Amino acid sequence: MPDFLITILKKYKKEQLQNRLQLANKYTNNNLVFCDEYGNYLNRDKIVYQFKNVLKENNIKIRKFHDLRHTYATRLFELNEKARTVQ
């Protein structure tokens, strides 16, 4: 995992903890990395909707959300990452 991503995830975790403390008994700790503001699982339809909006706002051809996984794997191979690591 790239160093910049680790930094972003640590910052996100800190913000998530602050939100958890702020919501107190309204927050459900499901021990998730990515969750909604109340600690619940993310809604798939909402994620896809937001993803498509980001693509539209940036004049990028609409793609499936799952394509991100393939794109990331391709980029790792271009950086000569080992197949086992990408897997």
Protein backbone atom coordinates (compact mmCIF):
# COMPACT_ATOMS: atom_id res chain seq x y z
CA MET A 1 0.00 0.00 0.00
CA PRO A 2 1.40 3.40 -0.94
CA ASP A 3 2.58 5.63 1.92
CA PHE A 4 0.21 8.45 0.96
CA LEU A 5 -2.74 6.08 1.28
CA ILE A 6 -1.64 4.96 4.73
CA THR A 7 -1.52 8.62 5.80
CA ILE A 8 -5.03 9.23 4.43
CA LEU A 9 -6.43 6.13 6.15
CA LYS A 10 -4.89 7.11 9.49
CA LYS A 11 -6.47 10.55 9.19
CA TYR A 12 -9.81 8.96 8.28
CA LYS A 13 -9.59 6.64 11.30
CA LYS A 14 -8.98 9.63 13.58
CA GLU A 15 -12.00 11.48 12.13
CA GLN A 16 -14.09 8.35 12.48
CA LEU A 17 -13.17 8.06 16.16
CA GLN A 18 -14.09 11.71 16.77
CA ASN A 19 -17.44 11.13 15.08
CA ARG A 20 -17.97 7.99 17.17
CA LEU A 21 -17.34 9.91 20.40
CA GLN A 22 -19.59 12.75 19.28
CA LEU A 23 -22.52 10.44 18.48
CA ALA A 24 -22.00 8.35 21.62
CA ASN A 25 -24.94 5.93 22.01
CA LYS A 26 -26.20 6.58 18.44
CA TYR A 27 -23.03 5.03 16.99
CA THR A 28 -22.85 1.27 16.46
CA ASN A 29 -19.30 -0.05 16.53
CA ASN A 30 -19.25 -2.75 13.85
CA ASN A 31 -15.45 -2.54 13.63
CA LEU A 32 -15.61 -1.37 10.01
CA VAL A 33 -12.99 0.64 8.15
CA PHE A 34 -15.60 2.25 5.90
CA CYS A 35 -19.03 2.86 7.35
CA ASP A 36 -21.73 5.51 7.47
CA GLU A 37 -21.71 8.24 10.11
CA TYR A 38 -23.44 5.89 12.58
CA GLY A 39 -21.02 2.99 12.15
CA ASN A 40 -23.34 0.94 9.93
CA TYR A 41 -22.54 -0.78 6.66
CA LEU A 42 -22.47 1.47 3.62
CA ASN A 43 -25.40 1.43 1.22
CA ARG A 44 -24.24 0.02 -2.13
CA ASP A 45 -26.67 2.12 -4.17
CA LYS A 46 -25.52 5.31 -2.47
CA ILE A 47 -21.86 4.51 -3.18
CA VAL A 48 -22.56 3.84 -6.86
CA TYR A 49 -24.63 7.03 -7.13
CA GLN A 50 -21.87 9.15 -5.56
CA PHE A 51 -19.21 7.45 -7.72
CA LYS A 52 -21.13 8.27 -10.90
CA ASN A 53 -21.56 11.88 -9.77
CA VAL A 54 -17.80 12.23 -9.26
CA LEU A 55 -17.20 10.83 -12.75
CA LYS A 56 -19.74 13.22 -14.30
CA GLU A 57 -18.35 16.25 -12.44
CA ASN A 58 -14.90 15.46 -13.78
CA ASN A 59 -16.00 14.66 -17.35
CA ILE A 60 -14.92 11.04 -17.05
CA LYS A 61 -16.72 8.31 -18.95
CA ILE A 62 -19.20 6.44 -16.72
CA ARG A 63 -17.79 3.12 -15.56
CA LYS A 64 -18.76 0.39 -13.16
CA PHE A 65 -17.54 0.87 -9.59
CA HIS A 66 -15.91 -2.59 -9.75
CA ASP A 67 -13.69 -1.34 -12.60
CA LEU A 68 -11.67 0.53 -9.97
CA ARG A 69 -10.38 -2.78 -8.69
CA HIS A 70 -9.14 -3.81 -12.12
CA THR A 71 -7.61 -0.40 -12.80
CA TYR A 72 -5.72 -0.47 -9.51
CA ALA A 73 -4.39 -3.97 -10.24
CA THR A 74 -3.27 -2.85 -13.70
CA ARG A 75 -1.44 0.14 -12.26
CA LEU A 76 0.32 -2.08 -9.72
CA PHE A 77 1.51 -4.38 -12.51
CA GLU A 78 2.76 -1.33 -14.43
CA LEU A 79 4.84 -0.51 -11.34
CA ASN A 80 6.29 -4.06 -11.48
CA GLU A 81 4.50 -5.21 -8.35
CA LYS A 82 4.56 -8.96 -7.82
CA ALA A 83 1.45 -10.87 -8.89
CA ARG A 84 1.19 -12.46 -5.45
CA THR A 85 1.02 -9.01 -3.84
CA VAL A 86 -1.62 -7.79 -6.30
CA GLN A 87 -3.63 -10.94 -5.70
